[in-house]
Amino acid sequence: MRRTITGSLVFVIAASYLLQITVPGYEERLLLNRFYVENGEYYRMLTVALVHGGFMHLGFNLIALHALGTPLEAYFSRGKFIALLVFSLLSGSALSVFFNPSYVYSIGASGMIFGLFGALAIVGQRAGVEWRSIMVIVGLNFAIGFVLGGVDWRGHLGGLIGGTLATLVLNRTK
């Protein structure tokens, strides 16, 4: 049986979290902040997805990644699915870096996951997913981010926009 990109990514992010909680300084080398990016550490726009703010944050993100990524990976080719993931992550990271205050640090794969929300809103029915429920989940996640605080809603919004735009382009070439 061929390993899926979604399953591999869930494994890599979970393994990275184990490193994060056991290796001193690991999280600090991978998290996202405007200061680091402005000083040439562009890799952080990708590595932010490898570190999380606790077990609950990790768990929710991995469940969402698996639930959203599995039907999208089946819908798109492997290359297009990877492009969707990367563009969503970079879009979320870009909005986070450009619009967050310089003292704000971001962690997590949420920007990429919100990109998958945007993708499923576009191709949901064709991918075998009910898109209306996706919109409710997106709305609830944004609301939770504002109510609880400490959530990088700019990264979420950037990922959502990036995933939606990427899907519009990728779907044209399907």
N, C-alpha and C. Protein backbone atom coordinates (compact mmCIF):
# COMPACT_ATOMS: atom_id res chain seq x y z
N MET A 1 0.84 -1.19 0.00
CA MET A 1 0.00 0.00 0.00
C MET A 1 0.88 1.25 0.00
N ARG A 2 0.52 2.19 -0.81
CA ARG A 2 1.29 3.41 -0.96
C ARG A 2 0.96 4.39 0.17
N ARG A 3 1.98 4.95 0.76
CA ARG A 3 1.78 5.92 1.84
C ARG A 3 1.24 7.22 1.26
N THR A 4 0.29 7.82 1.96
CA THR A 4 -0.28 9.08 1.49
C THR A 4 0.56 10.26 1.96
N ILE A 5 0.45 11.34 1.25
CA ILE A 5 1.11 12.58 1.67
C ILE A 5 0.52 13.04 2.99
N THR A 6 -0.80 12.96 3.10
CA THR A 6 -1.47 13.38 4.33
C THR A 6 -0.98 12.56 5.52
N GLY A 7 -0.94 11.25 5.39
CA GLY A 7 -0.47 10.39 6.47
C GLY A 7 0.98 10.66 6.82
N SER A 8 1.80 10.87 5.82
CA SER A 8 3.22 11.17 6.06
C SER A 8 3.38 12.50 6.78
N LEU A 9 2.60 13.48 6.38
CA LEU A 9 2.68 14.79 7.01
C LEU A 9 2.21 14.74 8.46
N VAL A 10 1.16 13.99 8.73
CA VAL A 10 0.70 13.81 10.12
C VAL A 10 1.82 13.19 10.95
N PHE A 11 2.48 12.18 10.40
CA PHE A 11 3.58 11.53 11.11
C PHE A 11 4.73 12.50 11.38
N VAL A 12 5.13 13.26 10.36
CA VAL A 12 6.27 14.19 10.49
C VAL A 12 5.96 15.26 11.53
N ILE A 13 4.75 15.82 11.50
CA ILE A 13 4.39 16.86 12.46
C ILE A 13 4.33 16.29 13.88
N ALA A 14 3.80 15.09 14.04
CA ALA A 14 3.75 14.45 15.37
C ALA A 14 5.17 14.17 15.88
N ALA A 15 6.04 13.67 15.00
CA ALA A 15 7.43 13.40 15.39
C ALA A 15 8.15 14.69 15.76
N SER A 16 7.88 15.74 15.02
CA SER A 16 8.48 17.04 15.33
C SER A 16 8.04 17.53 16.70
N TYR A 17 6.78 17.29 17.04
CA TYR A 17 6.30 17.70 18.36
C TYR A 17 7.05 16.96 19.47
N LEU A 18 7.35 15.70 19.25
CA LEU A 18 8.15 14.96 20.23
C LEU A 18 9.52 15.60 20.41
N LEU A 19 10.11 16.04 19.31
CA LEU A 19 11.39 16.76 19.40
C LEU A 19 11.20 18.08 20.14
N GLN A 20 10.11 18.76 19.86
CA GLN A 20 9.84 20.05 20.48
C GLN A 20 9.77 19.95 22.00
N ILE A 21 9.17 18.87 22.50
CA ILE A 21 9.01 18.75 23.95
C ILE A 21 10.22 18.10 24.62
N THR A 22 11.17 17.62 23.83
CA THR A 22 12.34 16.97 24.43
C THR A 22 13.67 17.66 24.14
N VAL A 23 13.76 18.41 23.07
CA VAL A 23 15.03 19.04 22.68
C VAL A 23 14.97 20.54 23.00
N PRO A 24 15.78 20.99 23.94
CA PRO A 24 15.78 22.42 24.29
C PRO A 24 16.14 23.28 23.07
N GLY A 25 15.38 24.34 22.86
CA GLY A 25 15.64 25.28 21.78
C GLY A 25 15.06 24.89 20.43
N TYR A 26 14.51 23.70 20.31
CA TYR A 26 13.97 23.22 19.03
C TYR A 26 12.85 24.14 18.54
N GLU A 27 11.89 24.42 19.40
CA GLU A 27 10.76 25.27 19.02
C GLU A 27 11.23 26.66 18.60
N GLU A 28 12.16 27.23 19.32
CA GLU A 28 12.65 28.58 19.03
C GLU A 28 13.34 28.65 17.67
N ARG A 29 13.90 27.55 17.21
CA ARG A 29 14.58 27.55 15.91
C ARG A 29 13.61 27.42 14.74
N LEU A 30 12.34 27.04 15.02
CA LEU A 30 11.39 26.79 13.93
C LEU A 30 10.19 27.72 13.91
N LEU A 31 9.87 28.40 15.02
CA LEU A 31 8.68 29.24 15.06
C LEU A 31 8.80 30.43 14.13
N LEU A 32 7.69 31.10 13.91
CA LEU A 32 7.62 32.20 12.95
C LEU A 32 7.48 33.53 13.67
N ASN A 33 8.26 34.49 13.21
CA ASN A 33 8.19 35.85 13.73
C ASN A 33 8.76 36.79 12.66
N ARG A 34 8.19 37.97 12.56
CA ARG A 34 8.63 38.95 11.56
C ARG A 34 10.13 39.22 11.66
N PHE A 35 10.65 39.37 12.85
CA PHE A 35 12.07 39.68 13.05
C PHE A 35 12.97 38.65 12.35
N TYR A 36 12.67 37.39 12.55
CA TYR A 36 13.50 36.34 11.96
C TYR A 36 13.42 36.35 10.44
N VAL A 37 12.21 36.53 9.91
CA VAL A 37 12.03 36.53 8.46
C VAL A 37 12.72 37.74 7.84
N GLU A 38 12.58 38.90 8.48
CA GLU A 38 13.25 40.10 7.97
C GLU A 38 14.77 39.97 8.00
N ASN A 39 15.28 39.07 8.83
CA ASN A 39 16.72 38.85 8.91
C ASN A 39 17.15 37.62 8.12
N GLY A 40 16.35 37.22 7.14
CA GLY A 40 16.75 36.19 6.19
C GLY A 40 16.40 34.76 6.55
N GLU A 41 15.72 34.53 7.65
CA GLU A 41 15.37 33.16 8.05
C GLU A 41 14.01 32.78 7.45
N TYR A 42 13.97 32.76 6.11
CA TYR A 42 12.73 32.51 5.38
C TYR A 42 12.19 31.09 5.59
N TYR A 43 13.07 30.16 5.91
CA TYR A 43 12.66 28.77 6.13
C TYR A 43 11.58 28.67 7.20
N ARG A 44 11.54 29.64 8.11
CA ARG A 44 10.57 29.62 9.20
C ARG A 44 9.12 29.73 8.69
N MET A 45 8.96 30.23 7.47
CA MET A 45 7.61 30.32 6.90
C MET A 45 7.05 28.94 6.61
N LEU A 46 7.92 27.94 6.53
CA LEU A 46 7.52 26.55 6.36
C LEU A 46 7.60 25.76 7.67
N THR A 47 8.65 25.99 8.42
CA THR A 47 8.87 25.18 9.63
C THR A 47 7.88 25.50 10.74
N VAL A 48 7.18 26.62 10.64
CA VAL A 48 6.18 26.97 11.65
C VAL A 48 5.16 25.85 11.82
N ALA A 49 4.91 25.08 10.76
CA ALA A 49 3.92 23.99 10.81
C ALA A 49 4.41 22.81 11.64
N LEU A 50 5.67 22.79 11.99
CA LEU A 50 6.24 21.64 12.70
C LEU A 50 6.20 21.79 14.22
N VAL A 51 5.87 22.97 14.72
CA VAL A 51 5.84 23.20 16.17
C VAL A 51 4.44 23.64 16.58
N HIS A 52 4.02 23.23 17.77
CA HIS A 52 2.67 23.49 18.23
C HIS A 52 2.66 23.92 19.69
N GLY A 53 1.59 24.61 20.06
CA GLY A 53 1.46 25.16 21.41
C GLY A 53 0.78 24.22 22.37
N GLY A 54 1.26 23.01 22.45
CA GLY A 54 0.70 22.04 23.38
C GLY A 54 0.04 20.88 22.67
N PHE A 55 -0.28 19.86 23.47
CA PHE A 55 -0.82 18.62 22.93
C PHE A 55 -2.20 18.82 22.29
N MET A 56 -3.04 19.66 22.90
CA MET A 56 -4.37 19.92 22.35
C MET A 56 -4.26 20.61 20.99
N HIS A 57 -3.40 21.60 20.89
CA HIS A 57 -3.19 22.31 19.63
C HIS A 57 -2.73 21.32 18.56
N LEU A 58 -1.77 20.50 18.91
CA LEU A 58 -1.27 19.48 17.98
C LEU A 58 -2.39 18.53 17.58
N GLY A 59 -3.13 18.03 18.56
CA GLY A 59 -4.20 17.06 18.29
C GLY A 59 -5.27 17.61 17.36
N PHE A 60 -5.75 18.81 17.64
CA PHE A 60 -6.77 19.40 16.78
C PHE A 60 -6.25 19.61 15.37
N ASN A 61 -5.01 20.07 15.25
CA ASN A 61 -4.45 20.29 13.92
C ASN A 61 -4.26 18.97 13.16
N LEU A 62 -3.80 17.94 13.82
CA LEU A 62 -3.57 16.67 13.13
C LEU A 62 -4.89 16.01 12.73
N ILE A 63 -5.90 16.11 13.58
CA ILE A 63 -7.22 15.57 13.22
C ILE A 63 -7.77 16.32 12.01
N ALA A 64 -7.67 17.64 12.04
CA ALA A 64 -8.17 18.45 10.92
C ALA A 64 -7.37 18.16 9.65
N LEU A 65 -6.07 18.05 9.77
CA LEU A 65 -5.24 17.76 8.60
C LEU A 65 -5.64 16.43 7.97
N HIS A 66 -5.83 15.42 8.79
CA HIS A 66 -6.22 14.12 8.27
C HIS A 66 -7.62 14.15 7.65
N ALA A 67 -8.56 14.78 8.35
CA ALA A 67 -9.94 14.82 7.87
C ALA A 67 -10.09 15.63 6.58
N LEU A 68 -9.37 16.73 6.47
CA LEU A 68 -9.48 17.59 5.29
C LEU A 68 -8.54 17.14 4.18
N GLY A 69 -7.35 16.72 4.55
CA GLY A 69 -6.35 16.36 3.55
C GLY A 69 -6.65 15.08 2.80
N THR A 70 -7.26 14.11 3.46
CA THR A 70 -7.51 12.82 2.82
C THR A 70 -8.39 12.94 1.58
N PRO A 71 -9.56 13.59 1.65
CA PRO A 71 -10.36 13.70 0.42
C PRO A 71 -9.72 14.60 -0.63
N LEU A 72 -9.01 15.64 -0.20
CA LEU A 72 -8.37 16.52 -1.17
C LEU A 72 -7.21 15.82 -1.88
N GLU A 73 -6.47 15.02 -1.14
CA GLU A 73 -5.38 14.27 -1.77
C GLU A 73 -5.92 13.29 -2.79
N ALA A 74 -7.06 12.69 -2.50
CA ALA A 74 -7.69 11.77 -3.46
C ALA A 74 -8.21 12.52 -4.68
N TYR A 75 -8.65 13.75 -4.49
CA TYR A 75 -9.20 14.55 -5.57
C TYR A 75 -8.11 15.08 -6.51
N PHE A 76 -7.06 15.64 -5.93
CA PHE A 76 -5.96 16.21 -6.71
C PHE A 76 -4.88 15.17 -6.95
N SER A 77 -4.03 15.43 -7.93
CA SER A 77 -2.83 14.62 -8.09
C SER A 77 -1.89 14.94 -6.92
N ARG A 78 -0.89 14.09 -6.72
CA ARG A 78 0.06 14.30 -5.62
C ARG A 78 0.75 15.66 -5.74
N GLY A 79 1.18 15.98 -6.94
CA GLY A 79 1.88 17.26 -7.15
C GLY A 79 1.00 18.46 -6.85
N LYS A 80 -0.25 18.41 -7.30
CA LYS A 80 -1.17 19.51 -7.05
C LYS A 80 -1.52 19.61 -5.57
N PHE A 81 -1.64 18.48 -4.92
CA PHE A 81 -1.95 18.49 -3.49
C PHE A 81 -0.78 19.10 -2.70
N ILE A 82 0.43 18.74 -3.05
CA ILE A 82 1.60 19.33 -2.40
C ILE A 82 1.64 20.84 -2.65
N ALA A 83 1.37 21.25 -3.88
CA ALA A 83 1.34 22.69 -4.20
C ALA A 83 0.30 23.40 -3.35
N LEU A 84 -0.87 22.79 -3.19
CA LEU A 84 -1.93 23.37 -2.36
C LEU A 84 -1.45 23.53 -0.92
N LEU A 85 -0.84 22.50 -0.37
CA LEU A 85 -0.35 22.56 1.01
C LEU A 85 0.69 23.66 1.20
N VAL A 86 1.67 23.69 0.30
CA VAL A 86 2.77 24.65 0.42
C VAL A 86 2.27 26.07 0.23
N PHE A 87 1.43 26.30 -0.78
CA PHE A 87 0.92 27.65 -1.03
C PHE A 87 0.06 28.13 0.14
N SER A 88 -0.76 27.24 0.69
CA SER A 88 -1.59 27.60 1.84
C SER A 88 -0.72 27.97 3.04
N LEU A 89 0.29 27.17 3.30
CA LEU A 89 1.19 27.43 4.43
C LEU A 89 1.93 28.74 4.24
N LEU A 90 2.47 28.97 3.05
CA LEU A 90 3.20 30.21 2.79
C LEU A 90 2.28 31.43 2.84
N SER A 91 1.07 31.29 2.37
CA SER A 91 0.11 32.40 2.42
C SER A 91 -0.24 32.75 3.86
N GLY A 92 -0.48 31.73 4.67
CA GLY A 92 -0.75 31.97 6.09
C GLY A 92 0.43 32.61 6.79
N SER A 93 1.62 32.11 6.51
CA SER A 93 2.83 32.66 7.11
C SER A 93 3.05 34.11 6.67
N ALA A 94 2.80 34.39 5.40
CA ALA A 94 3.02 35.74 4.88
C ALA A 94 2.10 36.75 5.56
N LEU A 95 0.81 36.43 5.67
CA LEU A 95 -0.10 37.36 6.35
C LEU A 95 0.28 37.52 7.81
N SER A 96 0.72 36.44 8.42
CA SER A 96 1.14 36.50 9.81
C SER A 96 2.34 37.44 9.98
N VAL A 97 3.32 37.28 9.11
CA VAL A 97 4.54 38.10 9.20
C VAL A 97 4.24 39.57 8.87
N PHE A 98 3.46 39.81 7.83
CA PHE A 98 3.21 41.18 7.39
C PHE A 98 2.28 41.97 8.31
N PHE A 99 1.32 41.30 8.94
CA PHE A 99 0.31 42.04 9.67
C PHE A 99 0.30 41.85 11.17
N ASN A 100 1.09 40.94 11.71
CA ASN A 100 1.20 40.81 13.16
C ASN A 100 2.23 41.81 13.67
N PRO A 101 2.05 42.28 14.89
CA PRO A 101 3.10 43.11 15.49
C PRO A 101 4.41 42.32 15.58
N SER A 102 5.51 43.02 15.59
CA SER A 102 6.82 42.36 15.53
C SER A 102 7.11 41.48 16.74
N TYR A 103 6.43 41.68 17.85
CA TYR A 103 6.67 40.87 19.04
C TYR A 103 5.86 39.57 19.05
N VAL A 104 4.97 39.36 18.08
CA VAL A 104 4.11 38.18 18.05
C VAL A 104 4.82 37.02 17.37
N TYR A 105 4.81 35.87 18.02
CA TYR A 105 5.35 34.64 17.48
C TYR A 105 4.21 33.73 17.08
N SER A 106 4.38 33.02 15.99
CA SER A 106 3.35 32.09 15.53
C SER A 106 3.91 30.68 15.49
N ILE A 107 3.04 29.72 15.83
CA ILE A 107 3.39 28.31 15.74
C ILE A 107 2.18 27.55 15.25
N GLY A 108 2.42 26.42 14.60
CA GLY A 108 1.35 25.53 14.20
C GLY A 108 1.12 25.45 12.70
N ALA A 109 0.34 24.44 12.33
CA ALA A 109 0.03 24.15 10.93
C ALA A 109 -1.32 24.72 10.52
N SER A 110 -1.89 25.60 11.33
CA SER A 110 -3.24 26.08 11.10
C SER A 110 -3.40 26.84 9.79
N GLY A 111 -2.41 27.62 9.39
CA GLY A 111 -2.52 28.32 8.11
C GLY A 111 -2.70 27.34 6.97
N MET A 112 -1.93 26.29 6.97
CA MET A 112 -2.04 25.25 5.95
C MET A 112 -3.41 24.56 6.03
N ILE A 113 -3.86 24.30 7.22
CA ILE A 113 -5.14 23.62 7.41
C ILE A 113 -6.30 24.51 6.96
N PHE A 114 -6.21 25.80 7.24
CA PHE A 114 -7.25 26.71 6.75
C PHE A 114 -7.23 26.78 5.23
N GLY A 115 -6.07 26.59 4.62
CA GLY A 115 -6.01 26.49 3.17
C GLY A 115 -6.79 25.29 2.67
N LEU A 116 -6.75 24.20 3.42
CA LEU A 116 -7.53 23.02 3.05
C LEU A 116 -9.02 23.28 3.21
N PHE A 117 -9.40 24.06 4.21
CA PHE A 117 -10.80 24.48 4.34
C PHE A 117 -11.24 25.23 3.09
N GLY A 118 -10.40 26.18 2.65
CA GLY A 118 -10.72 26.95 1.45
C GLY A 118 -10.83 26.06 0.23
N ALA A 119 -9.94 25.10 0.11
CA ALA A 119 -9.97 24.17 -1.03
C ALA A 119 -11.25 23.35 -1.03
N LEU A 120 -11.63 22.85 0.13
CA LEU A 120 -12.84 22.03 0.20
C LEU A 120 -14.10 22.86 -0.03
N ALA A 121 -14.06 24.13 0.30
CA ALA A 121 -15.21 24.99 0.01
C ALA A 121 -15.42 25.11 -1.50
N ILE A 122 -14.34 25.01 -2.28
CA ILE A 122 -14.42 25.11 -3.74
C ILE A 122 -14.78 23.76 -4.37
N VAL A 123 -14.11 22.69 -3.96
CA VAL A 123 -14.28 21.39 -4.64
C VAL A 123 -14.96 20.35 -3.77
N GLY A 124 -15.52 20.77 -2.65
CA GLY A 124 -16.07 19.84 -1.68
C GLY A 124 -17.01 18.79 -2.24
N GLN A 125 -18.02 19.21 -2.98
CA GLN A 125 -18.98 18.24 -3.50
C GLN A 125 -18.32 17.28 -4.47
N ARG A 126 -17.46 17.79 -5.33
CA ARG A 126 -16.76 16.91 -6.29
C ARG A 126 -15.78 15.98 -5.59
N ALA A 127 -15.28 16.40 -4.41
CA ALA A 127 -14.36 15.56 -3.65
C ALA A 127 -15.10 14.66 -2.66
N GLY A 128 -16.42 14.73 -2.67
CA GLY A 128 -17.22 13.87 -1.80
C GLY A 128 -17.41 14.38 -0.39
N VAL A 129 -17.33 15.71 -0.21
CA VAL A 129 -17.45 16.30 1.12
C VAL A 129 -18.56 17.35 1.08
N GLU A 130 -19.33 17.41 2.13
CA GLU A 130 -20.40 18.41 2.25
C GLU A 130 -19.78 19.76 2.59
N TRP A 131 -19.82 20.72 1.68
CA TRP A 131 -19.12 21.99 1.85
C TRP A 131 -19.77 22.91 2.86
N ARG A 132 -21.09 22.81 3.07
CA ARG A 132 -21.74 23.70 4.03
C ARG A 132 -21.22 23.47 5.44
N SER A 133 -20.98 22.23 5.79
CA SER A 133 -20.45 21.94 7.13
C SER A 133 -19.04 22.50 7.28
N ILE A 134 -18.30 22.53 6.18
CA ILE A 134 -16.96 23.10 6.22
C ILE A 134 -17.02 24.59 6.54
N MET A 135 -17.97 25.29 5.96
CA MET A 135 -18.09 26.71 6.22
C MET A 135 -18.45 26.98 7.68
N VAL A 136 -19.27 26.13 8.27
CA VAL A 136 -19.62 26.26 9.68
C VAL A 136 -18.36 26.06 10.54
N ILE A 137 -17.56 25.05 10.21
CA ILE A 137 -16.33 24.78 10.96
C ILE A 137 -15.35 25.94 10.84
N VAL A 138 -15.21 26.49 9.63
CA VAL A 138 -14.33 27.65 9.43
C VAL A 138 -14.80 28.81 10.31
N GLY A 139 -16.10 29.08 10.27
CA GLY A 139 -16.65 30.17 11.08
C GLY A 139 -16.41 29.96 12.56
N LEU A 140 -16.64 28.74 13.03
CA LEU A 140 -16.40 28.44 14.45
C LEU A 140 -14.94 28.61 14.82
N ASN A 141 -14.03 28.17 13.95
CA ASN A 141 -12.60 28.31 14.23
C ASN A 141 -12.17 29.77 14.30
N PHE A 142 -12.70 30.60 13.41
CA PHE A 142 -12.38 32.02 13.50
C PHE A 142 -12.94 32.62 14.78
N ALA A 143 -14.17 32.27 15.13
CA ALA A 143 -14.79 32.79 16.35
C ALA A 143 -14.00 32.37 17.58
N ILE A 144 -13.60 31.11 17.64
CA ILE A 144 -12.82 30.63 18.78
C ILE A 144 -11.52 31.40 18.90
N GLY A 145 -10.89 31.67 17.75
CA GLY A 145 -9.64 32.43 17.76
C GLY A 145 -9.80 33.81 18.35
N PHE A 146 -10.91 34.47 18.08
CA PHE A 146 -11.14 35.80 18.63
C PHE A 146 -11.54 35.75 20.09
N VAL A 147 -12.32 34.75 20.48
CA VAL A 147 -12.80 34.64 21.85
C VAL A 147 -11.67 34.25 22.80
N LEU A 148 -10.89 33.25 22.42
CA LEU A 148 -9.84 32.74 23.30
C LEU A 148 -8.60 33.64 23.31
N GLY A 149 -8.33 34.30 22.24
CA GLY A 149 -7.11 35.09 22.14
C GLY A 149 -5.90 34.18 22.00
N GLY A 150 -4.77 34.76 21.67
CA GLY A 150 -3.55 33.98 21.51
C GLY A 150 -3.55 33.12 20.26
N VAL A 151 -4.50 33.35 19.38
CA VAL A 151 -4.59 32.60 18.13
C VAL A 151 -4.24 33.54 16.99
N ASP A 152 -3.38 33.10 16.10
CA ASP A 152 -2.95 33.93 14.98
C ASP A 152 -4.00 33.88 13.87
N TRP A 153 -5.06 34.68 14.02
CA TRP A 153 -6.14 34.68 13.04
C TRP A 153 -5.65 35.19 11.69
N ARG A 154 -4.58 35.98 11.69
CA ARG A 154 -4.03 36.46 10.41
C ARG A 154 -3.44 35.30 9.63
N GLY A 155 -2.78 34.39 10.32
CA GLY A 155 -2.25 33.19 9.68
C GLY A 155 -3.37 32.30 9.16
N HIS A 156 -4.45 32.20 9.92
CA HIS A 156 -5.61 31.42 9.49
C HIS A 156 -6.22 32.03 8.23
N LEU A 157 -6.42 33.35 8.27
CA LEU A 157 -7.02 34.04 7.14
C LEU A 157 -6.13 33.93 5.90
N GLY A 158 -4.83 34.10 6.07
CA GLY A 158 -3.90 33.98 4.95
C GLY A 158 -3.93 32.59 4.34
N GLY A 159 -3.97 31.57 5.18
CA GLY A 159 -4.06 30.21 4.67
C GLY A 159 -5.36 29.96 3.93
N LEU A 160 -6.46 30.47 4.48
CA LEU A 160 -7.77 30.31 3.84
C LEU A 160 -7.78 30.96 2.46
N ILE A 161 -7.28 32.17 2.39
CA ILE A 161 -7.21 32.88 1.10
C ILE A 161 -6.29 32.14 0.14
N GLY A 162 -5.12 31.76 0.62
CA GLY A 162 -4.15 31.06 -0.23
C GLY A 162 -4.67 29.73 -0.75
N GLY A 163 -5.30 28.95 0.12
CA GLY A 163 -5.84 27.66 -0.29
C GLY A 163 -6.97 27.80 -1.28
N THR A 164 -7.80 28.82 -1.08
CA THR A 164 -8.91 29.06 -2.01
C THR A 164 -8.38 29.46 -3.38
N LEU A 165 -7.44 30.41 -3.41
CA LEU A 165 -6.86 30.85 -4.69
C LEU A 165 -6.11 29.72 -5.39
N ALA A 166 -5.33 28.97 -4.62
CA ALA A 166 -4.58 27.86 -5.21
C ALA A 166 -5.53 26.84 -5.82
N THR A 167 -6.63 26.57 -5.15
CA THR A 167 -7.60 25.60 -5.66
C THR A 167 -8.26 26.09 -6.94
N LEU A 168 -8.57 27.38 -6.99
CA LEU A 168 -9.16 27.93 -8.21
C LEU A 168 -8.22 27.73 -9.40
N VAL A 169 -6.92 27.94 -9.17
CA VAL A 169 -5.93 27.75 -10.24
C VAL A 169 -5.73 26.27 -10.55
N LEU A 170 -5.54 25.46 -9.53
CA LEU A 170 -5.27 24.03 -9.72
C LEU A 170 -6.46 23.32 -10.34
N ASN A 171 -7.65 23.74 -10.00
CA ASN A 171 -8.84 23.10 -10.50
C ASN A 171 -9.05 23.38 -11.99
N ARG A 172 -8.53 24.49 -12.47
CA ARG A 172 -8.63 24.82 -13.90
C ARG A 172 -7.82 23.85 -14.75
N THR A 173 -6.75 23.34 -14.16
CA THR A 173 -5.87 22.45 -14.91
C THR A 173 -6.17 20.98 -14.66
N LYS A 174 -7.28 20.70 -14.01
CA LYS A 174 -7.63 19.31 -13.66
C LYS A 174 -8.23 18.61 -14.85
